[in-house]
Amino acid sequence: RFSSIGDRTQHIDELYKILSSYLLQRDSFDWLTVCEKLGIPAAPI
């Protein structure tokens, strides 16, 4: 479901729900730090 951008687009609702469930487990600052380390675009509001 998630191995390519095309697959992720088809299953985007499932993917976002998975992403949301993990985000709840840490504080905002921790996630921003992790994303900086991993090179994933992220920002505070």
All heavy atoms as atom14 arrays in JSON, in Angstrom:
{
  "sequence": "RFSSIGDRTQHIDELYKILSSYLLQRDSFDWLTVCEKLGIPAAPI",
  "atom14_mask": [
    [1, 1, 1, 1, 1, 1, 1, 1, 1, 1, 1, 0, 0, 0],
    [1, 1, 1, 1, 1, 1, 1, 1, 1, 1, 1, 0, 0, 0],
    [1, 1, 1, 1, 1, 1, 0, 0, 0, 0, 0, 0, 0, 0],
    [1, 1, 1, 1, 1, 1, 0, 0, 0, 0, 0, 0, 0, 0],
    [1, 1, 1, 1, 1, 1, 1, 1, 0, 0, 0, 0, 0, 0],
    [1, 1, 1, 1, 0, 0, 0, 0, 0, 0, 0, 0, 0, 0],
    [1, 1, 1, 1, 1, 1, 1, 1, 0, 0, 0, 0, 0, 0],
    [1, 1, 1, 1, 1, 1, 1, 1, 1, 1, 1, 0, 0, 0],
    [1, 1, 1, 1, 1, 1, 1, 0, 0, 0, 0, 0, 0, 0],
    [1, 1, 1, 1, 1, 1, 1, 1, 1, 0, 0, 0, 0, 0],
    [1, 1, 1, 1, 1, 1, 1, 1, 1, 1, 0, 0, 0, 0],
    [1, 1, 1, 1, 1, 1, 1, 1, 0, 0, 0, 0, 0, 0],
    [1, 1, 1, 1, 1, 1, 1, 1, 0, 0, 0, 0, 0, 0],
    [1, 1, 1, 1, 1, 1, 1, 1, 1, 0, 0, 0, 0, 0],
    [1, 1, 1, 1, 1, 1, 1, 1, 0, 0, 0, 0, 0, 0],
    [1, 1, 1, 1, 1, 1, 1, 1, 1, 1, 1, 1, 0, 0],
    [1, 1, 1, 1, 1, 1, 1, 1, 1, 0, 0, 0, 0, 0],
    [1, 1, 1, 1, 1, 1, 1, 1, 0, 0, 0, 0, 0, 0],
    [1, 1, 1, 1, 1, 1, 1, 1, 0, 0, 0, 0, 0, 0],
    [1, 1, 1, 1, 1, 1, 0, 0, 0, 0, 0, 0, 0, 0],
    [1, 1, 1, 1, 1, 1, 0, 0, 0, 0, 0, 0, 0, 0],
    [1, 1, 1, 1, 1, 1, 1, 1, 1, 1, 1, 1, 0, 0],
    [1, 1, 1, 1, 1, 1, 1, 1, 0, 0, 0, 0, 0, 0],
    [1, 1, 1, 1, 1, 1, 1, 1, 0, 0, 0, 0, 0, 0],
    [1, 1, 1, 1, 1, 1, 1, 1, 1, 0, 0, 0, 0, 0],
    [1, 1, 1, 1, 1, 1, 1, 1, 1, 1, 1, 0, 0, 0],
    [1, 1, 1, 1, 1, 1, 1, 1, 0, 0, 0, 0, 0, 0],
    [1, 1, 1, 1, 1, 1, 0, 0, 0, 0, 0, 0, 0, 0],
    [1, 1, 1, 1, 1, 1, 1, 1, 1, 1, 1, 0, 0, 0],
    [1, 1, 1, 1, 1, 1, 1, 1, 0, 0, 0, 0, 0, 0],
    [1, 1, 1, 1, 1, 1, 1, 1, 1, 1, 1, 1, 1, 1],
    [1, 1, 1, 1, 1, 1, 1, 1, 0, 0, 0, 0, 0, 0],
    [1, 1, 1, 1, 1, 1, 1, 0, 0, 0, 0, 0, 0, 0],
    [1, 1, 1, 1, 1, 1, 1, 0, 0, 0, 0, 0, 0, 0],
    [1, 1, 1, 1, 1, 1, 0, 0, 0, 0, 0, 0, 0, 0],
    [1, 1, 1, 1, 1, 1, 1, 1, 1, 0, 0, 0, 0, 0],
    [1, 1, 1, 1, 1, 1, 1, 1, 1, 0, 0, 0, 0, 0],
    [1, 1, 1, 1, 1, 1, 1, 1, 0, 0, 0, 0, 0, 0],
    [1, 1, 1, 1, 0, 0, 0, 0, 0, 0, 0, 0, 0, 0],
    [1, 1, 1, 1, 1, 1, 1, 1, 0, 0, 0, 0, 0, 0],
    [1, 1, 1, 1, 1, 1, 1, 0, 0, 0, 0, 0, 0, 0],
    [1, 1, 1, 1, 1, 0, 0, 0, 0, 0, 0, 0, 0, 0],
    [1, 1, 1, 1, 1, 0, 0, 0, 0, 0, 0, 0, 0, 0],
    [1, 1, 1, 1, 1, 1, 1, 0, 0, 0, 0, 0, 0, 0],
    [1, 1, 1, 1, 1, 1, 1, 1, 0, 0, 0, 0, 0, 0]
  ],
  "atom14_positions": [
    [[0.82, -1.21, 0.0], [0.0, 0.0, 0.0], [0.85, 1.26, 0.0], [0.4, 2.33, -0.43], [-0.92, 0.03, 1.22], [-1.95, -1.09, 1.28], [-2.67, -1.05, 2.61], [-1.75, -1.25, 3.73], [-2.07, -1.07, 5.01], [-3.3, -0.65, 5.34], [-1.19, -1.29, 5.97], [0.0, 0.0, 0.0], [0.0, 0.0, 0.0], [0.0, 0.0, 0.0]],
    [[2.11, 1.14, 0.5], [2.91, 2.34, 0.75], [4.29, 2.33, 0.09], [5.12, 3.18, 0.36], [3.11, 2.53, 2.27], [1.85, 2.4, 3.08], [1.82, 1.62, 4.24], [0.68, 3.04, 2.69], [0.67, 1.5, 4.99], [-0.48, 2.93, 3.44], [-0.5, 2.15, 4.59], [0.0, 0.0, 0.0], [0.0, 0.0, 0.0], [0.0, 0.0, 0.0]],
    [[4.54, 1.38, -0.8], [5.9, 1.19, -1.3], [6.31, 2.22, -2.37], [7.5, 2.39, -2.63], [6.06, -0.23, -1.86], [5.11, -0.46, -2.88], [0.0, 0.0, 0.0], [0.0, 0.0, 0.0], [0.0, 0.0, 0.0], [0.0, 0.0, 0.0], [0.0, 0.0, 0.0], [0.0, 0.0, 0.0], [0.0, 0.0, 0.0], [0.0, 0.0, 0.0]],
    [[5.34, 2.9, -2.98], [5.67, 3.93, -3.98], [4.72, 5.1, -3.82], [3.68, 5.0, -3.16], [5.57, 3.36, -5.4], [4.2, 3.17, -5.75], [0.0, 0.0, 0.0], [0.0, 0.0, 0.0], [0.0, 0.0, 0.0], [0.0, 0.0, 0.0], [0.0, 0.0, 0.0], [0.0, 0.0, 0.0], [0.0, 0.0, 0.0], [0.0, 0.0, 0.0]],
    [[5.06, 6.21, -4.48], [4.21, 7.4, -4.36], [2.81, 7.15, -4.94], [1.8, 7.62, -4.42], [4.89, 8.62, -5.02], [4.09, 9.89, -4.68], [5.04, 8.45, -6.52], [4.82, 11.17, -5.05], [0.0, 0.0, 0.0], [0.0, 0.0, 0.0], [0.0, 0.0, 0.0], [0.0, 0.0, 0.0], [0.0, 0.0, 0.0], [0.0, 0.0, 0.0]],
    [[2.75, 6.35, -6.0], [1.45, 6.02, -6.57], [0.6, 5.2, -5.61], [-0.6, 5.45, -5.44], [0.0, 0.0, 0.0], [0.0, 0.0, 0.0], [0.0, 0.0, 0.0], [0.0, 0.0, 0.0], [0.0, 0.0, 0.0], [0.0, 0.0, 0.0], [0.0, 0.0, 0.0], [0.0, 0.0, 0.0], [0.0, 0.0, 0.0], [0.0, 0.0, 0.0]],
    [[1.24, 4.21, -4.97], [0.52, 3.38, -4.0], [0.08, 4.21, -2.81], [-1.06, 4.07, -2.31], [1.42, 2.23, -3.53], [1.8, 1.28, -4.66], [0.94, 1.0, -5.51], [2.97, 0.85, -4.7], [0.0, 0.0, 0.0], [0.0, 0.0, 0.0], [0.0, 0.0, 0.0], [0.0, 0.0, 0.0], [0.0, 0.0, 0.0], [0.0, 0.0, 0.0]],
    [[0.97, 5.09, -2.33], [0.62, 5.92, -1.17], [-0.55, 6.84, -1.48], [-1.41, 7.09, -0.64], [1.84, 6.71, -0.7], [2.92, 5.85, -0.06], [3.97, 6.7, 0.64], [4.74, 7.52, -0.28], [5.83, 7.12, -0.92], [6.29, 5.89, -0.75], [6.49, 7.93, -1.72], [0.0, 0.0, 0.0], [0.0, 0.0, 0.0], [0.0, 0.0, 0.0]],
    [[-0.57, 7.38, -2.7], [-1.68, 8.25, -3.09], [-3.01, 7.5, -3.08], [-4.03, 8.02, -2.63], [-1.42, 8.86, -4.48], [-0.2, 9.62, -4.44], [-2.55, 9.78, -4.9], [0.0, 0.0, 0.0], [0.0, 0.0, 0.0], [0.0, 0.0, 0.0], [0.0, 0.0, 0.0], [0.0, 0.0, 0.0], [0.0, 0.0, 0.0], [0.0, 0.0, 0.0]],
    [[-3.0, 6.27, -3.55], [-4.22, 5.47, -3.57], [-4.72, 5.15, -2.15], [-5.92, 5.01, -1.93], [-3.99, 4.16, -4.32], [-4.02, 4.3, -5.83], [-3.93, 2.94, -6.5], [-2.86, 2.33, -6.58], [-5.07, 2.45, -6.96], [0.0, 0.0, 0.0], [0.0, 0.0, 0.0], [0.0, 0.0, 0.0], [0.0, 0.0, 0.0], [0.0, 0.0, 0.0]],
    [[-3.79, 5.03, -1.22], [-4.14, 4.62, 0.15], [-3.84, 5.74, 1.15], [-3.44, 5.47, 2.28], [-3.37, 3.34, 0.52], [-3.67, 2.18, -0.38], [-4.78, 1.38, -0.23], [-3.01, 1.71, -1.47], [-4.79, 0.45, -1.17], [-3.73, 0.62, -1.94], [0.0, 0.0, 0.0], [0.0, 0.0, 0.0], [0.0, 0.0, 0.0], [0.0, 0.0, 0.0]],
    [[-4.03, 6.95, 0.71], [-3.58, 8.09, 1.5], [-4.3, 8.2, 2.84], [-3.7, 8.57, 3.86], [-3.7, 9.41, 0.69], [-2.9, 10.54, 1.36], [-5.15, 9.8, 0.47], [-1.42, 10.32, 1.4], [0.0, 0.0, 0.0], [0.0, 0.0, 0.0], [0.0, 0.0, 0.0], [0.0, 0.0, 0.0], [0.0, 0.0, 0.0], [0.0, 0.0, 0.0]],
    [[-5.59, 7.89, 2.89], [-6.32, 8.0, 4.15], [-5.75, 7.04, 5.19], [-5.56, 7.41, 6.36], [-7.82, 7.73, 3.95], [-8.52, 8.86, 3.21], [-8.0, 10.0, 3.23], [-9.58, 8.61, 2.61], [0.0, 0.0, 0.0], [0.0, 0.0, 0.0], [0.0, 0.0, 0.0], [0.0, 0.0, 0.0], [0.0, 0.0, 0.0], [0.0, 0.0, 0.0]],
    [[-5.46, 5.81, 4.77], [-4.86, 4.84, 5.7], [-3.49, 5.31, 6.16], [-3.14, 5.19, 7.34], [-4.74, 3.48, 5.0], [-6.05, 2.88, 4.54], [-5.82, 1.84, 3.45], [-5.37, 0.73, 3.79], [-6.08, 2.16, 2.26], [0.0, 0.0, 0.0], [0.0, 0.0, 0.0], [0.0, 0.0, 0.0], [0.0, 0.0, 0.0], [0.0, 0.0, 0.0]],
    [[-2.72, 5.86, 5.23], [-1.37, 6.3, 5.57], [-1.39, 7.45, 6.56], [-0.63, 7.47, 7.54], [-0.64, 6.71, 4.29], [0.83, 7.11, 4.43], [1.65, 5.96, 5.01], [1.41, 7.54, 3.09], [0.0, 0.0, 0.0], [0.0, 0.0, 0.0], [0.0, 0.0, 0.0], [0.0, 0.0, 0.0], [0.0, 0.0, 0.0], [0.0, 0.0, 0.0]],
    [[-2.27, 8.42, 6.33], [-2.36, 9.55, 7.25], [-2.82, 9.11, 8.64], [-2.38, 9.65, 9.66], [-3.3, 10.62, 6.7], [-2.65, 11.6, 5.74], [-3.32, 12.09, 4.63], [-1.35, 12.07, 5.96], [-2.73, 12.99, 3.75], [-0.76, 12.97, 5.1], [-1.44, 13.43, 4.0], [-0.85, 14.33, 3.15], [0.0, 0.0, 0.0], [0.0, 0.0, 0.0]],
    [[-3.71, 8.14, 8.71], [-4.16, 7.64, 10.02], [-3.0, 6.99, 10.78], [-2.85, 7.17, 11.99], [-5.32, 6.67, 9.84], [-6.65, 7.36, 9.55], [-7.78, 6.34, 9.39], [-9.14, 7.05, 9.31], [-9.25, 7.99, 8.21], [0.0, 0.0, 0.0], [0.0, 0.0, 0.0], [0.0, 0.0, 0.0], [0.0, 0.0, 0.0], [0.0, 0.0, 0.0]],
    [[-2.17, 6.23, 10.04], [-0.99, 5.62, 10.68], [-0.04, 6.71, 11.17], [0.45, 6.68, 12.3], [-0.3, 4.67, 9.68], [-1.16, 3.43, 9.44], [1.08, 4.27, 10.2], [-0.68, 2.56, 8.29], [0.0, 0.0, 0.0], [0.0, 0.0, 0.0], [0.0, 0.0, 0.0], [0.0, 0.0, 0.0], [0.0, 0.0, 0.0], [0.0, 0.0, 0.0]],
    [[0.21, 7.69, 10.31], [1.09, 8.79, 10.68], [0.56, 9.5, 11.93], [1.32, 9.77, 12.88], [1.19, 9.77, 9.51], [2.08, 11.0, 9.68], [3.53, 10.61, 9.9], [1.96, 11.93, 8.47], [0.0, 0.0, 0.0], [0.0, 0.0, 0.0], [0.0, 0.0, 0.0], [0.0, 0.0, 0.0], [0.0, 0.0, 0.0], [0.0, 0.0, 0.0]],
    [[-0.73, 9.78, 11.94], [-1.33, 10.48, 13.08], [-1.18, 9.69, 14.38], [-0.92, 10.27, 15.45], [-2.82, 10.73, 12.82], [-3.0, 11.57, 11.71], [0.0, 0.0, 0.0], [0.0, 0.0, 0.0], [0.0, 0.0, 0.0], [0.0, 0.0, 0.0], [0.0, 0.0, 0.0], [0.0, 0.0, 0.0], [0.0, 0.0, 0.0], [0.0, 0.0, 0.0]],
    [[-1.32, 8.37, 14.3], [-1.23, 7.56, 15.52], [0.16, 7.63, 16.13], [0.31, 7.65, 17.36], [-1.61, 6.11, 15.22], [-0.63, 5.48, 14.4], [0.0, 0.0, 0.0], [0.0, 0.0, 0.0], [0.0, 0.0, 0.0], [0.0, 0.0, 0.0], [0.0, 0.0, 0.0], [0.0, 0.0, 0.0], [0.0, 0.0, 0.0], [0.0, 0.0, 0.0]],
    [[1.2, 7.68, 15.3], [2.56, 7.77, 15.85], [2.88, 9.16, 16.38], [3.59, 9.31, 17.37], [3.58, 7.37, 14.77], [3.64, 5.87, 14.55], [3.2, 5.3, 13.37], [4.14, 5.02, 15.55], [3.24, 3.93, 13.17], [4.18, 3.65, 15.35], [3.73, 3.11, 14.16], [3.77, 1.75, 13.98], [0.0, 0.0, 0.0], [0.0, 0.0, 0.0]],
    [[2.34, 10.19, 15.71], [2.62, 11.56, 16.16], [2.13, 11.8, 17.59], [2.72, 12.58, 18.34], [1.98, 12.57, 15.2], [2.84, 13.12, 14.04], [3.86, 14.12, 14.53], [3.53, 12.01, 13.26], [0.0, 0.0, 0.0], [0.0, 0.0, 0.0], [0.0, 0.0, 0.0], [0.0, 0.0, 0.0], [0.0, 0.0, 0.0], [0.0, 0.0, 0.0]],
    [[1.06, 11.15, 17.97], [0.5, 11.34, 19.31], [1.42, 10.83, 20.42], [1.22, 11.16, 21.6], [-0.84, 10.61, 19.42], [-2.03, 11.3, 18.74], [-3.22, 10.34, 18.67], [-2.42, 12.56, 19.5], [0.0, 0.0, 0.0], [0.0, 0.0, 0.0], [0.0, 0.0, 0.0], [0.0, 0.0, 0.0], [0.0, 0.0, 0.0], [0.0, 0.0, 0.0]],
    [[2.44, 10.07, 20.07], [3.27, 9.42, 21.08], [4.44, 10.29, 21.57], [5.13, 9.92, 22.52], [3.81, 8.09, 20.52], [2.71, 7.1, 20.18], [3.25, 5.85, 19.49], [4.44, 5.58, 19.53], [2.35, 5.09, 18.86], [0.0, 0.0, 0.0], [0.0, 0.0, 0.0], [0.0, 0.0, 0.0], [0.0, 0.0, 0.0], [0.0, 0.0, 0.0]],
    [[4.69, 11.42, 20.92], [5.82, 12.27, 21.32], [5.39, 13.73, 21.3], [4.38, 14.1, 20.7], [7.02, 12.08, 20.38], [7.52, 10.65, 20.24], [8.8, 10.62, 19.42], [9.12, 9.27, 18.97], [10.18, 8.97, 18.22], [11.01, 9.95, 17.83], [10.41, 7.73, 17.84], [0.0, 0.0, 0.0], [0.0, 0.0, 0.0], [0.0, 0.0, 0.0]],
    [[6.23, 14.57, 21.94], [5.98, 16.01, 21.96], [6.36, 16.64, 20.62], [7.16, 16.08, 19.85], [6.77, 16.68, 23.07], [6.3, 16.28, 24.46], [5.19, 15.71, 24.55], [7.04, 16.53, 25.43], [0.0, 0.0, 0.0], [0.0, 0.0, 0.0], [0.0, 0.0, 0.0], [0.0, 0.0, 0.0], [0.0, 0.0, 0.0], [0.0, 0.0, 0.0]],
    [[5.83, 17.83, 20.37], [6.09, 18.54, 19.11], [7.58, 18.79, 18.9], [8.12, 18.55, 17.8], [5.34, 19.87, 19.1], [3.96, 19.68, 19.19], [0.0, 0.0, 0.0], [0.0, 0.0, 0.0], [0.0, 0.0, 0.0], [0.0, 0.0, 0.0], [0.0, 0.0, 0.0], [0.0, 0.0, 0.0], [0.0, 0.0, 0.0], [0.0, 0.0, 0.0]],
    [[8.26, 19.25, 19.93], [9.7, 19.54, 19.8], [10.46, 18.28, 19.41], [11.39, 18.33, 18.58], [10.25, 20.13, 21.09], [11.72, 20.44, 21.03], [12.16, 21.6, 20.42], [12.67, 19.56, 21.55], [13.53, 21.89, 20.33], [14.02, 19.84, 21.49], [14.45, 21.01, 20.87], [0.0, 0.0, 0.0], [0.0, 0.0, 0.0], [0.0, 0.0, 0.0]],
    [[10.1, 17.14, 20.0], [10.79, 15.89, 19.67], [10.61, 15.55, 18.2], [11.57, 15.15, 17.52], [10.23, 14.74, 20.53], [10.53, 14.92, 22.01], [11.5, 15.63, 22.33], [9.8, 14.36, 22.83], [0.0, 0.0, 0.0], [0.0, 0.0, 0.0], [0.0, 0.0, 0.0], [0.0, 0.0, 0.0], [0.0, 0.0, 0.0], [0.0, 0.0, 0.0]],
    [[9.39, 15.72, 17.7], [9.15, 15.39, 16.3], [9.9, 16.33, 15.37], [10.45, 15.9, 14.34], [7.66, 15.43, 15.99], [6.94, 14.18, 16.42], [5.93, 14.08, 17.32], [7.22, 12.85, 15.96], [5.55, 12.77, 17.45], [6.32, 11.99, 16.63], [8.13, 12.3, 15.06], [6.31, 10.61, 16.42], [8.11, 10.93, 14.85], [7.22, 10.1, 15.52]],
    [[9.94, 17.62, 15.69], [10.67, 18.56, 14.84], [12.16, 18.22, 14.82], [12.82, 18.32, 13.78], [10.44, 19.99, 15.33], [9.01, 20.52, 15.16], [8.84, 21.86, 15.87], [8.64, 20.65, 13.68], [0.0, 0.0, 0.0], [0.0, 0.0, 0.0], [0.0, 0.0, 0.0], [0.0, 0.0, 0.0], [0.0, 0.0, 0.0], [0.0, 0.0, 0.0]],
    [[12.68, 17.79, 15.97], [14.09, 17.39, 16.04], [14.34, 16.14, 15.21], [15.34, 16.05, 14.47], [14.48, 17.13, 17.51], [14.22, 18.31, 18.28], [15.95, 16.76, 17.63], [0.0, 0.0, 0.0], [0.0, 0.0, 0.0], [0.0, 0.0, 0.0], [0.0, 0.0, 0.0], [0.0, 0.0, 0.0], [0.0, 0.0, 0.0], [0.0, 0.0, 0.0]],
    [[13.44, 15.16, 15.3], [13.57, 13.92, 14.54], [13.52, 14.22, 13.04], [14.33, 13.69, 12.25], [12.46, 12.93, 14.93], [12.32, 11.81, 13.89], [12.72, 12.34, 16.3], [0.0, 0.0, 0.0], [0.0, 0.0, 0.0], [0.0, 0.0, 0.0], [0.0, 0.0, 0.0], [0.0, 0.0, 0.0], [0.0, 0.0, 0.0], [0.0, 0.0, 0.0]],
    [[12.58, 15.04, 12.63], [12.45, 15.35, 11.21], [13.68, 16.08, 10.67], [14.11, 15.84, 9.54], [11.19, 16.18, 10.97], [9.67, 15.22, 11.13], [0.0, 0.0, 0.0], [0.0, 0.0, 0.0], [0.0, 0.0, 0.0], [0.0, 0.0, 0.0], [0.0, 0.0, 0.0], [0.0, 0.0, 0.0], [0.0, 0.0, 0.0], [0.0, 0.0, 0.0]],
    [[14.24, 16.94, 11.49], [15.48, 17.62, 11.09], [16.58, 16.59, 10.86], [17.32, 16.65, 9.87], [15.89, 18.61, 12.18], [17.15, 19.41, 11.88], [16.91, 20.55, 10.92], [15.76, 20.97, 10.73], [17.9, 21.01, 10.33], [0.0, 0.0, 0.0], [0.0, 0.0, 0.0], [0.0, 0.0, 0.0], [0.0, 0.0, 0.0], [0.0, 0.0, 0.0]],
    [[16.67, 15.62, 11.76], [17.7, 14.58, 11.65], [17.48, 13.7, 10.42], [18.43, 13.35, 9.72], [17.67, 13.71, 12.92], [18.65, 12.55, 12.93], [18.46, 11.68, 14.16], [17.19, 10.85, 14.05], [17.02, 9.88, 15.16], [0.0, 0.0, 0.0], [0.0, 0.0, 0.0], [0.0, 0.0, 0.0], [0.0, 0.0, 0.0], [0.0, 0.0, 0.0]],
    [[16.22, 13.37, 10.12], [15.91, 12.47, 9.03], [15.76, 13.16, 7.67], [15.61, 12.51, 6.65], [14.62, 11.7, 9.33], [14.61, 10.83, 10.6], [13.25, 10.17, 10.79], [15.71, 9.77, 10.52], [0.0, 0.0, 0.0], [0.0, 0.0, 0.0], [0.0, 0.0, 0.0], [0.0, 0.0, 0.0], [0.0, 0.0, 0.0], [0.0, 0.0, 0.0]],
    [[15.75, 14.48, 7.68], [15.57, 15.22, 6.43], [14.14, 15.23, 5.93], [13.89, 15.43, 4.74], [0.0, 0.0, 0.0], [0.0, 0.0, 0.0], [0.0, 0.0, 0.0], [0.0, 0.0, 0.0], [0.0, 0.0, 0.0], [0.0, 0.0, 0.0], [0.0, 0.0, 0.0], [0.0, 0.0, 0.0], [0.0, 0.0, 0.0], [0.0, 0.0, 0.0]],
    [[13.19, 15.06, 6.86], [11.77, 15.09, 6.51], [11.24, 16.52, 6.71], [11.41, 17.09, 7.79], [10.97, 14.11, 7.38], [11.4, 12.67, 7.09], [9.47, 14.27, 7.16], [10.78, 11.64, 8.03], [0.0, 0.0, 0.0], [0.0, 0.0, 0.0], [0.0, 0.0, 0.0], [0.0, 0.0, 0.0], [0.0, 0.0, 0.0], [0.0, 0.0, 0.0]],
    [[10.62, 17.13, 5.71], [10.08, 18.49, 5.88], [9.06, 18.53, 7.02], [8.14, 17.7, 7.08], [9.41, 18.78, 4.54], [10.09, 17.88, 3.56], [10.42, 16.63, 4.32], [0.0, 0.0, 0.0], [0.0, 0.0, 0.0], [0.0, 0.0, 0.0], [0.0, 0.0, 0.0], [0.0, 0.0, 0.0], [0.0, 0.0, 0.0], [0.0, 0.0, 0.0]],
    [[9.24, 19.46, 7.92], [8.33, 19.62, 9.06], [8.43, 21.04, 9.57], [9.46, 21.71, 9.38], [8.66, 18.63, 10.17], [0.0, 0.0, 0.0], [0.0, 0.0, 0.0], [0.0, 0.0, 0.0], [0.0, 0.0, 0.0], [0.0, 0.0, 0.0], [0.0, 0.0, 0.0], [0.0, 0.0, 0.0], [0.0, 0.0, 0.0], [0.0, 0.0, 0.0]],
    [[7.37, 21.51, 10.22], [7.37, 22.87, 10.74], [6.32, 23.0, 11.83], [5.32, 22.29, 11.84], [7.04, 23.87, 9.62], [0.0, 0.0, 0.0], [0.0, 0.0, 0.0], [0.0, 0.0, 0.0], [0.0, 0.0, 0.0], [0.0, 0.0, 0.0], [0.0, 0.0, 0.0], [0.0, 0.0, 0.0], [0.0, 0.0, 0.0], [0.0, 0.0, 0.0]],
    [[6.56, 23.92, 12.76], [5.5, 24.27, 13.71], [4.46, 25.13, 13.01], [4.69, 25.64, 11.91], [6.24, 25.08, 14.78], [7.38, 25.7, 14.03], [7.78, 24.71, 12.98], [0.0, 0.0, 0.0], [0.0, 0.0, 0.0], [0.0, 0.0, 0.0], [0.0, 0.0, 0.0], [0.0, 0.0, 0.0], [0.0, 0.0, 0.0], [0.0, 0.0, 0.0]],
    [[3.32, 25.29, 13.63], [2.28, 26.18, 13.09], [2.6, 27.61, 13.52], [2.82, 27.87, 14.7], [0.89, 25.77, 13.6], [0.52, 24.38, 13.09], [-0.15, 26.79, 13.18], [-0.77, 23.84, 13.67], [0.0, 0.0, 0.0], [0.0, 0.0, 0.0], [0.0, 0.0, 0.0], [0.0, 0.0, 0.0], [0.0, 0.0, 0.0], [0.0, 0.0, 0.0]]
  ]
}
